Structures are given as structure tokens and as C-alpha cells.
Amino acid sequence: MPSQFLIVIGGPTAVGKTKLAIALAQRYNCEIISADGRQFYREMSIGTAKPSLKELAQVKHHFINNKSVTELYGAGHYEKEAIPLIEHLLKEHNVAVLVGGSGLYINAILNGVDDFPEIPFHIREHLNTTFAQNGLAWLQQQLKQKDEAYYKLVDINNPQRLMRALEVIEFSGQTFSSQLKQTQVQRSFTAIPLFINIERNVLYQHINSRVETMMEMGWLAEAQTLLPYRHYNALKTVGYTELMAHLDGAYSLTEAIDKIKQRTRHYAKRQITWFKNQGNFETFDPQAPETITAYIDLIRQHD
């Protein structure tokens, strides 16, 4: 059987992953699998920077608009659904493109998802109650004290991820990071991990500009329609959180937009750190597609 290759495009938000993924999928005559944890949800469009209708028409995409914000969906669900799809696509084309900035979902494809024990209800309930009383900063401090290694990797602005780690620590008596998979799962394909990055100040300009464009596209109105769903995990994310707080009267629209830009820049910084810490991602500039394809072709020829 011919070798099968999964081109994995990772990088910070607003770096140009979508454009590159489409270009590579067209070159290798294959399809794209999204690994963006927010683009799964059909109700969230403007604020998740989904590919445009024109872009979706250029190459077939998977895992975009395939879930509702009301559904509980995580990396474990994603692995179970995405791996069979990837294997099916590779039988047809020998190449597929996985693209996204969500390290959790990319890691699920490359290394599998850790199978943690079921946490007793009273531990989870106590943690939720304490979080409601003390806020996000308390969660962040708790995790930093109990598992600094994982604190440096996780999105510290995502309370669900922080609470998940803390409840496992409480139940097991061991750090969360020490229980993560140490050995890579065996896949039927060869992964070609690419880390796409640009100069930091240019990236931040892209982020600020993208936020302005999203607002012009009607992001505030979209957030308003989603207010009834704000208690679902999918909506507890950068951008929607700030816009809903504005709609509550917590601060002005200008303040909300500034906070979105700032938090998105912070998120991008953490994404960069995550990919750099993986050790197996080769770094490329998205404006140098010839260099990227030369690298991909070299691996395909010598695998």
C-alpha cells in the first residue's frame, strides 16, 4: 500500500493557516479537516473566523459547522470521529490536510487522548461552587501552585480546562501533567507537522485588523442572538464573552473591542508557545509556499 501522509498545519490565530491549507489541498488534490475547536459550531460564524463560503467551495472541508453549541464535545469525541474520517480520505488521496490552532485537538490526532478516570460528583460540584465564588484568577493560581508544568501549556483563560486538571489532581493525588500520555499512539499515516508563524508585531496587527473586520461583519449582532446559549461551554470563549459582557452593560463597546484584541493577542502568544514546545513541528513562513511544498515533497519521497 502506498504511504499515506497527513499534512498538519498549526499556528496562532490570524497567521494565515486557512489560505495555506487551501493552497496545499489544491496542490495535492485532497481534502481539509479542521482542528479548530470553535469552528465546529454552526451557530458561531463571524467570531470564529471560519473559512468564507468562497473558500469552502474551493476545497472540501470537514468538521466545520458540524456541531451545535448545545452539544458537549471535546478532544476525545473529536479523535473518535476524525481518525476514521482521515483514514478514509487517505485511502482515496494518500494525502490530507489537518489545519487549526487548537493544540488540544491537533494533539488528539497525533498522540491520542488521555483516558482519565471518572471524577466523583462531589469533587466536581465543590470545584464549580468555589470557582463561582472566587473567579478565574483563583483557578489559575490553584493550577499554578499544584501543577506548574501543565499551567504553562494550558489555555489559562479557559475555566473548563483548568477545572478539569484540578479535579483530576484532587481525585488522583498526582499532577495532571504526569498523567498525560508519554508515548505516541500508532497511526496508519505519516504526519508532517508544520508550524506557521510570522513576526510578532505583524501578527498582532493582523489580529487587531481581523477583530475590526469581524465587528464590521456584524459580530455584535451574532453575539446577541447567542445570549440564550451563553451558559454552554462553546460560548465561554474569547470575543463572545466580552461582547456579551458589553450587552450586559459591564463596559462600553470600545472597551469590549479592546479587551477582545488584547485577549486574542494573549491567546496567540500561548498558541505559539504550545507549538514551539512540541519539538516535532518544522517552522515556516506562510508567505513561502514553495519552501513548504519542497519540504513536504522531500518527506513524501523519502518516507
C-alpha atoms as a PDB file:
ATOM      1  CA  MET A   1       0.000   0.000   0.000  1.00  0.00           C
ATOM      2  CA  PRO A   2       1.371   3.491  -0.840  1.00  0.00           C
ATOM      3  CA  SER A   3       2.462   5.631   2.089  1.00  0.00           C
ATOM      4  CA  GLN A   4      -0.212   7.967   3.439  1.00  0.00           C
ATOM      5  CA  PHE A   5       0.549  11.466   4.708  1.00  0.00           C
ATOM      6  CA  LEU A   6      -1.353  13.871   6.932  1.00  0.00           C
ATOM      7  CA  ILE A   7      -0.090  17.428   6.481  1.00  0.00           C
ATOM      8  CA  VAL A   8      -0.684  19.168   9.827  1.00  0.00           C
ATOM      9  CA  ILE A   9      -0.809  22.977   9.720  1.00  0.00           C
ATOM     10  CA  GLY A  10      -0.712  24.598  13.139  1.00  0.00           C
ATOM     11  CA  GLY A  11      -0.063  28.132  14.303  1.00  0.00           C
ATOM     12  CA  PRO A  12      -1.513  31.162  16.056  1.00  0.00           C
ATOM     13  CA  THR A  13      -4.804  32.778  15.165  1.00  0.00           C
ATOM     14  CA  ALA A  14      -4.776  35.200  12.189  1.00  0.00           C
ATOM     15  CA  VAL A  15      -1.441  33.895  10.852  1.00  0.00           C
ATOM     16  CA  GLY A  16      -2.851  32.672   7.521  1.00  0.00           C
ATOM     17  CA  LYS A  17      -3.472  28.954   8.104  1.00  0.00           C
ATOM     18  CA  THR A  18      -6.700  28.767   6.101  1.00  0.00           C
ATOM     19  CA  LYS A  19      -5.193  30.253   2.941  1.00  0.00           C
ATOM     20  CA  LEU A  20      -2.181  27.951   3.129  1.00  0.00           C
ATOM     21  CA  ALA A  21      -4.317  24.873   3.807  1.00  0.00           C
ATOM     22  CA  ILE A  22      -6.426  25.550   0.719  1.00  0.00           C
ATOM     23  CA  ALA A  23      -3.336  26.091  -1.431  1.00  0.00           C
ATOM     24  CA  LEU A  24      -1.790  22.816  -0.257  1.00  0.00           C
ATOM     25  CA  ALA A  25      -5.052  20.865  -0.602  1.00  0.00           C
ATOM     26  CA  GLN A  26      -5.379  22.112  -4.183  1.00  0.00           C
ATOM     27  CA  ARG A  27      -1.764  21.220  -4.967  1.00  0.00           C
ATOM     28  CA  TYR A  28      -2.095  17.686  -3.600  1.00  0.00           C
ATOM     29  CA  ASN A  29      -5.693  17.195  -4.764  1.00  0.00           C
ATOM     30  CA  CYS A  30      -7.003  16.342  -1.294  1.00  0.00           C
ATOM     31  CA  GLU A  31      -9.453  17.498   1.390  1.00  0.00           C
ATOM     32  CA  ILE A  32      -9.169  19.542   4.593  1.00  0.00           C
ATOM     33  CA  ILE A  33     -10.016  18.538   8.169  1.00  0.00           C
ATOM     34  CA  SER A  34     -10.448  21.416  10.610  1.00  0.00           C
ATOM     35  CA  ALA A  35      -8.800  21.161  14.027  1.00  0.00           C
ATOM     36  CA  ASP A  36     -10.218  24.453  15.272  1.00  0.00           C
ATOM     37  CA  GLY A  37     -12.246  23.811  18.400  1.00  0.00           C
ATOM     38  CA  ARG A  38     -14.584  26.756  17.739  1.00  0.00           C
ATOM     39  CA  GLN A  39     -15.296  26.285  14.036  1.00  0.00           C
ATOM     40  CA  PHE A  40     -17.195  23.061  14.755  1.00  0.00           C
ATOM     41  CA  TYR A  41     -20.181  25.070  15.984  1.00  0.00           C
ATOM     42  CA  ARG A  42     -22.660  26.151  13.333  1.00  0.00           C
ATOM     43  CA  GLU A  43     -24.123  28.990  15.428  1.00  0.00           C
ATOM     44  CA  MET A  44     -20.730  30.703  15.814  1.00  0.00           C
ATOM     45  CA  SER A  45     -19.519  32.013  12.472  1.00  0.00           C
ATOM     46  CA  ILE A  46     -18.199  35.562  12.460  1.00  0.00           C
ATOM     47  CA  GLY A  47     -16.304  35.349  15.738  1.00  0.00           C
ATOM     48  CA  THR A  48     -14.600  32.046  14.886  1.00  0.00           C
ATOM     49  CA  ALA A  49     -13.083  33.244  11.585  1.00  0.00           C
ATOM     50  CA  LYS A  50     -14.434  30.290   9.644  1.00  0.00           C
ATOM     51  CA  PRO A  51     -13.405  29.955   6.012  1.00  0.00           C
ATOM     52  CA  SER A  52     -15.662  32.029   3.773  1.00  0.00           C
ATOM     53  CA  LEU A  53     -18.243  30.396   1.510  1.00  0.00           C
ATOM     54  CA  LYS A  54     -15.888  31.036  -1.396  1.00  0.00           C
ATOM     55  CA  GLU A  55     -13.036  29.296   0.416  1.00  0.00           C
ATOM     56  CA  LEU A  56     -15.264  26.372   1.423  1.00  0.00           C
ATOM     57  CA  ALA A  57     -16.238  25.985  -2.228  1.00  0.00           C
ATOM     58  CA  GLN A  58     -12.599  25.772  -3.355  1.00  0.00           C
ATOM     59  CA  VAL A  59     -11.779  22.655  -1.330  1.00  0.00           C
ATOM     60  CA  LYS A  60     -13.982  20.257   0.595  1.00  0.00           C
ATOM     61  CA  HIS A  61     -13.702  20.917   4.360  1.00  0.00           C
ATOM     62  CA  HIS A  62     -14.663  18.655   7.257  1.00  0.00           C
ATOM     63  CA  PHE A  63     -15.503  19.494  10.898  1.00  0.00           C
ATOM     64  CA  ILE A  64     -16.855  22.950  10.149  1.00  0.00           C
ATOM     65  CA  ASN A  65     -20.477  23.694  11.118  1.00  0.00           C
ATOM     66  CA  ASN A  66     -20.954  20.067  12.150  1.00  0.00           C
ATOM     67  CA  LYS A  67     -21.946  20.607  15.788  1.00  0.00           C
ATOM     68  CA  SER A  68     -24.316  22.754  17.836  1.00  0.00           C
ATOM     69  CA  VAL A  69     -23.194  24.869  20.786  1.00  0.00           C
ATOM     70  CA  THR A  70     -25.678  22.857  22.865  1.00  0.00           C
ATOM     71  CA  GLU A  71     -23.666  19.648  22.343  1.00  0.00           C
ATOM     72  CA  LEU A  72     -20.941  18.575  24.752  1.00  0.00           C
ATOM     73  CA  TYR A  73     -17.927  17.991  22.533  1.00  0.00           C
ATOM     74  CA  GLY A  74     -14.281  17.583  23.412  1.00  0.00           C
ATOM     75  CA  ALA A  75     -10.981  16.219  22.178  1.00  0.00           C
ATOM     76  CA  GLY A  76     -11.974  12.628  22.927  1.00  0.00           C
ATOM     77  CA  HIS A  77     -15.101  12.898  20.782  1.00  0.00           C
ATOM     78  CA  TYR A  78     -13.062  14.581  18.071  1.00  0.00           C
ATOM     79  CA  GLU A  79     -10.434  11.824  17.975  1.00  0.00           C
ATOM     80  CA  LYS A  80     -13.091   9.118  17.676  1.00  0.00           C
ATOM     81  CA  GLU A  81     -14.787  10.903  14.776  1.00  0.00           C
ATOM     82  CA  ALA A  82     -11.776  12.386  12.985  1.00  0.00           C
ATOM     83  CA  ILE A  83      -9.414   9.389  12.847  1.00  0.00           C
ATOM     84  CA  PRO A  84     -11.806   7.148  10.842  1.00  0.00           C
ATOM     85  CA  LEU A  85     -12.519  10.076   8.505  1.00  0.00           C
ATOM     86  CA  ILE A  86      -8.809  10.773   7.992  1.00  0.00           C
ATOM     87  CA  GLU A  87      -8.138   7.103   7.271  1.00  0.00           C
ATOM     88  CA  HIS A  88     -10.984   7.079   4.749  1.00  0.00           C
ATOM     89  CA  LEU A  89      -9.727  10.227   2.995  1.00  0.00           C
ATOM     90  CA  LEU A  90      -6.181   8.879   2.840  1.00  0.00           C
ATOM     91  CA  LYS A  91      -7.371   5.735   1.091  1.00  0.00           C
ATOM     92  CA  GLU A  92      -8.731   7.968  -1.670  1.00  0.00           C
ATOM     93  CA  HIS A  93      -5.918  10.526  -1.990  1.00  0.00           C
ATOM     94  CA  ASN A  94      -2.906   9.320   0.091  1.00  0.00           C
ATOM     95  CA  VAL A  95      -2.687  12.904   1.386  1.00  0.00           C
ATOM     96  CA  ALA A  96      -4.968  15.004   3.615  1.00  0.00           C
ATOM     97  CA  VAL A  97      -4.569  18.379   5.337  1.00  0.00           C
ATOM     98  CA  LEU A  98      -5.345  18.931   9.023  1.00  0.00           C
ATOM     99  CA  VAL A  99      -5.422  22.618   9.980  1.00  0.00           C
ATOM    100  CA  GLY A 100      -6.135  24.588  13.147  1.00  0.00           C
ATOM    101  CA  GLY A 101      -4.778  26.436  16.109  1.00  0.00           C
ATOM    102  CA  SER A 102      -6.267  24.240  18.838  1.00  0.00           C
ATOM    103  CA  GLY A 103      -3.353  22.292  20.256  1.00  0.00           C
ATOM    104  CA  LEU A 104      -5.729  20.047  22.202  1.00  0.00           C
ATOM    105  CA  TYR A 105      -7.407  18.777  19.033  1.00  0.00           C
ATOM    106  CA  ILE A 106      -4.224  18.509  16.980  1.00  0.00           C
ATOM    107  CA  ASN A 107      -2.634  16.557  19.825  1.00  0.00           C
ATOM    108  CA  ALA A 108      -5.631  14.220  19.876  1.00  0.00           C
ATOM    109  CA  ILE A 109      -4.940  13.290  16.249  1.00  0.00           C
ATOM    110  CA  LEU A 110      -1.179  12.985  16.586  1.00  0.00           C
ATOM    111  CA  ASN A 111      -0.894  11.422  20.046  1.00  0.00           C
ATOM    112  CA  GLY A 112      -4.336  10.297  21.137  1.00  0.00           C
ATOM    113  CA  VAL A 113      -6.402  11.454  24.110  1.00  0.00           C
ATOM    114  CA  ASP A 114      -5.658  10.516  27.690  1.00  0.00           C
ATOM    115  CA  ASP A 115      -8.238   8.282  29.346  1.00  0.00           C
ATOM    116  CA  PHE A 116      -8.725   9.738  32.814  1.00  0.00           C
ATOM    117  CA  PRO A 117     -10.963   8.109  35.444  1.00  0.00           C
ATOM    118  CA  GLU A 118     -14.479   9.344  36.090  1.00  0.00           C
ATOM    119  CA  ILE A 119     -14.379  12.075  38.724  1.00  0.00           C
ATOM    120  CA  PRO A 120     -16.799  11.768  41.681  1.00  0.00           C
ATOM    121  CA  PHE A 121     -19.619  14.271  41.518  1.00  0.00           C
ATOM    122  CA  HIS A 122     -18.861  15.866  44.891  1.00  0.00           C
ATOM    123  CA  ILE A 123     -15.342  16.862  43.767  1.00  0.00           C
ATOM    124  CA  ARG A 124     -16.618  18.457  40.578  1.00  0.00           C
ATOM    125  CA  GLU A 125     -19.504  20.179  42.366  1.00  0.00           C
ATOM    126  CA  HIS A 126     -17.210  21.622  45.064  1.00  0.00           C
ATOM    127  CA  LEU A 127     -14.781  22.925  42.445  1.00  0.00           C
ATOM    128  CA  ASN A 128     -17.590  24.535  40.441  1.00  0.00           C
ATOM    129  CA  THR A 129     -19.014  26.198  43.554  1.00  0.00           C
ATOM    130  CA  THR A 130     -15.616  27.545  44.636  1.00  0.00           C
ATOM    131  CA  PHE A 131     -14.921  28.808  41.117  1.00  0.00           C
ATOM    132  CA  ALA A 132     -18.274  30.639  41.090  1.00  0.00           C
ATOM    133  CA  GLN A 133     -17.316  32.327  44.369  1.00  0.00           C
ATOM    134  CA  ASN A 134     -13.674  33.177  43.614  1.00  0.00           C
ATOM    135  CA  GLY A 135     -13.457  33.543  39.839  1.00  0.00           C
ATOM    136  CA  LEU A 136     -10.972  32.666  37.116  1.00  0.00           C
ATOM    137  CA  ALA A 137      -7.919  34.148  38.842  1.00  0.00           C
ATOM    138  CA  TRP A 138      -8.398  31.700  41.718  1.00  0.00           C
ATOM    139  CA  LEU A 139      -8.476  28.741  39.306  1.00  0.00           C
ATOM    140  CA  GLN A 140      -5.325  29.971  37.608  1.00  0.00           C
ATOM    141  CA  GLN A 141      -3.495  30.349  40.919  1.00  0.00           C
ATOM    142  CA  GLN A 142      -4.586  26.918  42.125  1.00  0.00           C
ATOM    143  CA  LEU A 143      -3.319  25.203  38.987  1.00  0.00           C
ATOM    144  CA  LYS A 144      -0.057  27.148  39.014  1.00  0.00           C
ATOM    145  CA  GLN A 145       0.569  26.009  42.592  1.00  0.00           C
ATOM    146  CA  LYS A 146      -0.399  22.377  42.048  1.00  0.00           C
ATOM    147  CA  ASP A 147       0.899  21.706  38.518  1.00  0.00           C
ATOM    148  CA  GLU A 148       3.077  24.449  37.079  1.00  0.00           C
ATOM    149  CA  ALA A 149       4.125  22.262  34.134  1.00  0.00           C
ATOM    150  CA  TYR A 150       0.543  21.964  32.887  1.00  0.00           C
ATOM    151  CA  TYR A 151      -0.167  25.604  33.773  1.00  0.00           C
ATOM    152  CA  LYS A 152       2.465  26.612  31.204  1.00  0.00           C
ATOM    153  CA  LEU A 153       0.741  24.588  28.478  1.00  0.00           C
ATOM    154  CA  VAL A 154      -2.974  25.042  29.033  1.00  0.00           C
ATOM    155  CA  ASP A 155      -5.130  27.978  27.917  1.00  0.00           C
ATOM    156  CA  ILE A 156      -5.344  29.656  31.329  1.00  0.00           C
ATOM    157  CA  ASN A 157      -8.374  31.680  30.220  1.00  0.00           C
ATOM    158  CA  ASN A 158     -10.439  28.529  29.717  1.00  0.00           C
ATOM    159  CA  PRO A 159     -12.039  27.678  33.096  1.00  0.00           C
ATOM    160  CA  GLN A 160     -13.237  24.252  31.907  1.00  0.00           C
ATOM    161  CA  ARG A 161      -9.672  23.145  31.108  1.00  0.00           C
ATOM    162  CA  LEU A 162      -8.396  24.464  34.441  1.00  0.00           C
ATOM    163  CA  MET A 163     -11.149  22.759  36.430  1.00  0.00           C
ATOM    164  CA  ARG A 164     -10.630  19.505  34.547  1.00  0.00           C
ATOM    165  CA  ALA A 165      -6.963  19.473  35.548  1.00  0.00           C
ATOM    166  CA  LEU A 166      -7.705  20.441  39.158  1.00  0.00           C
ATOM    167  CA  GLU A 167     -10.373  17.780  39.634  1.00  0.00           C
ATOM    168  CA  VAL A 168      -8.044  15.078  38.304  1.00  0.00           C
ATOM    169  CA  ILE A 169      -5.296  16.325  40.644  1.00  0.00           C
ATOM    170  CA  GLU A 170      -7.731  16.311  43.597  1.00  0.00           C
ATOM    171  CA  PHE A 171      -9.013  12.814  42.832  1.00  0.00           C
ATOM    172  CA  SER A 172      -5.699  11.143  41.953  1.00  0.00           C
ATOM    173  CA  GLY A 173      -3.292  12.991  44.231  1.00  0.00           C
ATOM    174  CA  GLN A 174      -0.919  13.357  41.275  1.00  0.00           C
ATOM    175  CA  THR A 175      -0.209  16.235  38.907  1.00  0.00           C
ATOM    176  CA  PHE A 176      -2.291  16.361  35.760  1.00  0.00           C
ATOM    177  CA  SER A 177       0.815  16.710  33.565  1.00  0.00           C
ATOM    178  CA  SER A 178       2.313  13.495  34.957  1.00  0.00           C
ATOM    179  CA  GLN A 179      -0.741  11.551  33.795  1.00  0.00           C
ATOM    180  CA  LEU A 180      -0.685  12.733  30.197  1.00  0.00           C
ATOM    181  CA  LYS A 181       0.273  10.199  27.547  1.00  0.00           C
ATOM    182  CA  GLN A 182       4.021   9.678  27.464  1.00  0.00           C
ATOM    183  CA  THR A 183       4.073   7.505  24.357  1.00  0.00           C
ATOM    184  CA  GLN A 184       2.668   8.395  20.974  1.00  0.00           C
ATOM    185  CA  VAL A 185      -0.131   6.230  19.632  1.00  0.00           C
ATOM    186  CA  GLN A 186       0.454   4.332  16.423  1.00  0.00           C
ATOM    187  CA  ARG A 187      -1.340   5.804  13.419  1.00  0.00           C
ATOM    188  CA  SER A 188      -1.707   4.323   9.943  1.00  0.00           C
ATOM    189  CA  PHE A 189      -0.356   7.514   8.369  1.00  0.00           C
ATOM    190  CA  THR A 190       2.799   9.625   8.495  1.00  0.00           C
ATOM    191  CA  ALA A 191       2.204  13.085   9.961  1.00  0.00           C
ATOM    192  CA  ILE A 192       4.027  16.099   8.512  1.00  0.00           C
ATOM    193  CA  PRO A 193       3.650  18.750  11.256  1.00  0.00           C
ATOM    194  CA  LEU A 194       4.134  22.353  10.089  1.00  0.00           C
ATOM    195  CA  PHE A 195       4.202  25.336  12.448  1.00  0.00           C
ATOM    196  CA  ILE A 196       3.215  28.528  10.609  1.00  0.00           C
ATOM    197  CA  ASN A 197       4.387  31.767  12.165  1.00  0.00           C
ATOM    198  CA  ILE A 198       5.244  35.378  11.322  1.00  0.00           C
ATOM    199  CA  GLU A 199       6.922  38.280  13.095  1.00  0.00           C
ATOM    200  CA  ARG A 200       5.145  39.037  16.368  1.00  0.00           C
ATOM    201  CA  ASN A 201       4.260  42.681  15.700  1.00  0.00           C
ATOM    202  CA  VAL A 202       2.905  41.801  12.246  1.00  0.00           C
ATOM    203  CA  LEU A 203       0.786  39.027  13.752  1.00  0.00           C
ATOM    204  CA  TYR A 204      -0.631  41.436  16.331  1.00  0.00           C
ATOM    205  CA  GLN A 205      -1.521  43.871  13.543  1.00  0.00           C
ATOM    206  CA  HIS A 206      -3.334  41.027  11.756  1.00  0.00           C
ATOM    207  CA  ILE A 207      -5.239  40.196  14.944  1.00  0.00           C
ATOM    208  CA  ASN A 208      -6.316  43.788  15.575  1.00  0.00           C
ATOM    209  CA  SER A 209      -7.383  44.208  11.959  1.00  0.00           C
ATOM    210  CA  ARG A 210      -9.315  40.942  11.966  1.00  0.00           C
ATOM    211  CA  VAL A 211     -11.264  41.945  15.087  1.00  0.00           C
ATOM    212  CA  GLU A 212     -12.224  45.256  13.424  1.00  0.00           C
ATOM    213  CA  THR A 213     -13.350  43.384  10.304  1.00  0.00           C
ATOM    214  CA  MET A 214     -15.414  40.951  12.356  1.00  0.00           C
ATOM    215  CA  MET A 215     -17.181  43.830  14.058  1.00  0.00           C
ATOM    216  CA  GLU A 216     -17.974  45.358  10.667  1.00  0.00           C
ATOM    217  CA  MET A 217     -19.390  41.984   9.585  1.00  0.00           C
ATOM    218  CA  GLY A 218     -21.908  42.049  12.441  1.00  0.00           C
ATOM    219  CA  TRP A 219     -20.211  40.139  15.240  1.00  0.00           C
ATOM    220  CA  LEU A 220     -22.086  42.060  17.933  1.00  0.00           C
ATOM    221  CA  ALA A 221     -25.453  41.086  16.438  1.00  0.00           C
ATOM    222  CA  GLU A 222     -24.308  37.469  16.221  1.00  0.00           C
ATOM    223  CA  ALA A 223     -23.306  37.519  19.885  1.00  0.00           C
ATOM    224  CA  GLN A 224     -26.691  38.983  20.806  1.00  0.00           C
ATOM    225  CA  THR A 225     -28.524  36.092  19.108  1.00  0.00           C
ATOM    226  CA  LEU A 226     -26.403  33.671  21.153  1.00  0.00           C
ATOM    227  CA  LEU A 227     -27.175  35.211  24.561  1.00  0.00           C
ATOM    228  CA  PRO A 228     -29.666  32.406  25.422  1.00  0.00           C
ATOM    229  CA  TYR A 229     -26.838  29.880  24.972  1.00  0.00           C
ATOM    230  CA  ARG A 230     -24.161  31.721  26.952  1.00  0.00           C
ATOM    231  CA  HIS A 231     -24.067  29.069  29.694  1.00  0.00           C
ATOM    232  CA  TYR A 232     -22.763  26.444  27.242  1.00  0.00           C
ATOM    233  CA  ASN A 233     -19.010  25.837  27.194  1.00  0.00           C
ATOM    234  CA  ALA A 234     -18.730  26.690  23.492  1.00  0.00           C
ATOM    235  CA  LEU A 235     -19.670  30.324  24.197  1.00  0.00           C
ATOM    236  CA  LYS A 236     -17.196  30.765  27.061  1.00  0.00           C
ATOM    237  CA  THR A 237     -14.509  31.890  24.666  1.00  0.00           C
ATOM    238  CA  VAL A 238     -12.591  34.974  23.597  1.00  0.00           C
ATOM    239  CA  GLY A 239     -14.740  37.555  21.860  1.00  0.00           C
ATOM    240  CA  TYR A 240     -18.183  36.245  22.676  1.00  0.00           C
ATOM    241  CA  THR A 241     -17.507  36.609  26.402  1.00  0.00           C
ATOM    242  CA  GLU A 242     -16.528  40.273  26.048  1.00  0.00           C
ATOM    243  CA  LEU A 243     -19.364  41.161  23.675  1.00  0.00           C
ATOM    244  CA  MET A 244     -21.937  39.546  25.948  1.00  0.00           C
ATOM    245  CA  ALA A 245     -20.483  41.437  28.908  1.00  0.00           C
ATOM    246  CA  HIS A 246     -20.934  44.634  26.882  1.00  0.00           C
ATOM    247  CA  LEU A 247     -24.534  43.677  26.158  1.00  0.00           C
ATOM    248  CA  ASP A 248     -24.969  43.232  29.923  1.00  0.00           C
ATOM    249  CA  GLY A 249     -23.721  46.799  30.371  1.00  0.00           C
ATOM    250  CA  ALA A 250     -20.430  45.805  32.015  1.00  0.00           C
ATOM    251  CA  TYR A 251     -18.426  48.071  29.727  1.00  0.00           C
ATOM    252  CA  SER A 252     -18.658  50.071  26.516  1.00  0.00           C
ATOM    253  CA  LEU A 253     -18.342  48.580  23.040  1.00  0.00           C
ATOM    254  CA  THR A 254     -14.969  50.272  22.591  1.00  0.00           C
ATOM    255  CA  GLU A 255     -13.741  48.700  25.832  1.00  0.00           C
ATOM    256  CA  ALA A 256     -15.094  45.304  24.743  1.00  0.00           C
ATOM    257  CA  ILE A 257     -13.286  45.509  21.403  1.00  0.00           C
ATOM    258  CA  ASP A 258     -10.035  46.496  23.113  1.00  0.00           C
ATOM    259  CA  LYS A 259     -10.378  43.565  25.515  1.00  0.00           C
ATOM    260  CA  ILE A 260     -11.022  41.164  22.626  1.00  0.00           C
ATOM    261  CA  LYS A 261      -7.891  42.338  20.831  1.00  0.00           C
ATOM    262  CA  GLN A 262      -5.813  42.025  23.988  1.00  0.00           C
ATOM    263  CA  ARG A 263      -7.097  38.570  24.936  1.00  0.00           C
ATOM    264  CA  THR A 264      -6.697  37.336  21.364  1.00  0.00           C
ATOM    265  CA  ARG A 265      -3.086  38.523  21.337  1.00  0.00           C
ATOM    266  CA  HIS A 266      -2.505  36.710  24.628  1.00  0.00           C
ATOM    267  CA  TYR A 267      -4.130  33.577  23.200  1.00  0.00           C
ATOM    268  CA  ALA A 268      -1.914  33.762  20.113  1.00  0.00           C
ATOM    269  CA  LYS A 269       1.155  34.008  22.332  1.00  0.00           C
ATOM    270  CA  ARG A 270       0.124  30.857  24.177  1.00  0.00           C
ATOM    271  CA  GLN A 271      -0.549  29.056  20.894  1.00  0.00           C
ATOM    272  CA  ILE A 272       2.969  29.910  19.721  1.00  0.00           C
ATOM    273  CA  THR A 273       4.420  28.603  22.980  1.00  0.00           C
ATOM    274  CA  TRP A 274       2.481  25.354  22.685  1.00  0.00           C
ATOM    275  CA  PHE A 275       3.609  24.591  19.129  1.00  0.00           C
ATOM    276  CA  LYS A 276       7.213  25.509  19.870  1.00  0.00           C
ATOM    277  CA  ASN A 277       7.196  23.157  22.853  1.00  0.00           C
ATOM    278  CA  GLN A 278       6.072  20.176  20.769  1.00  0.00           C
ATOM    279  CA  GLY A 279       9.503  19.622  19.262  1.00  0.00           C
ATOM    280  CA  ASN A 280       8.328  17.945  16.054  1.00  0.00           C
ATOM    281  CA  PHE A 281       6.829  20.917  14.184  1.00  0.00           C
ATOM    282  CA  GLU A 282       9.005  22.479  11.470  1.00  0.00           C
ATOM    283  CA  THR A 283       8.588  26.272  11.366  1.00  0.00           C
ATOM    284  CA  PHE A 284       7.670  28.086   8.145  1.00  0.00           C
ATOM    285  CA  ASP A 285       6.520  31.483   6.952  1.00  0.00           C
ATOM    286  CA  PRO A 286       3.071  31.197   5.335  1.00  0.00           C
ATOM    287  CA  GLN A 287       4.271  33.584   2.615  1.00  0.00           C
ATOM    288  CA  ALA A 288       6.802  30.975   1.414  1.00  0.00           C
ATOM    289  CA  PRO A 289       4.600  28.184  -0.007  1.00  0.00           C
ATOM    290  CA  GLU A 290       7.346  26.933  -2.341  1.00  0.00           C
ATOM    291  CA  THR A 291       9.596  26.208   0.635  1.00  0.00           C
ATOM    292  CA  ILE A 292       6.761  24.416   2.395  1.00  0.00           C
ATOM    293  CA  THR A 293       5.850  22.229  -0.573  1.00  0.00           C
ATOM    294  CA  ALA A 294       9.514  21.399  -1.182  1.00  0.00           C
ATOM    295  CA  TYR A 295       9.739  20.187   2.420  1.00  0.00           C
ATOM    296  CA  ILE A 296       6.538  18.134   2.105  1.00  0.00           C
ATOM    297  CA  ASP A 297       7.693  16.573  -1.165  1.00  0.00           C
ATOM    298  CA  LEU A 298      11.062  15.693   0.353  1.00  0.00           C
ATOM    299  CA  ILE A 299       9.397  13.788   3.208  1.00  0.00           C
ATOM    300  CA  ARG A 300       6.974  12.045   0.862  1.00  0.00           C
ATOM    301  CA  GLN A 301       9.799  10.906  -1.378  1.00  0.00           C
ATOM    302  CA  HIS A 302      11.955   9.533   1.421  1.00  0.00           C
ATOM    303  CA  ASP A 303       9.403   8.036   3.768  1.00  0.00           C
END
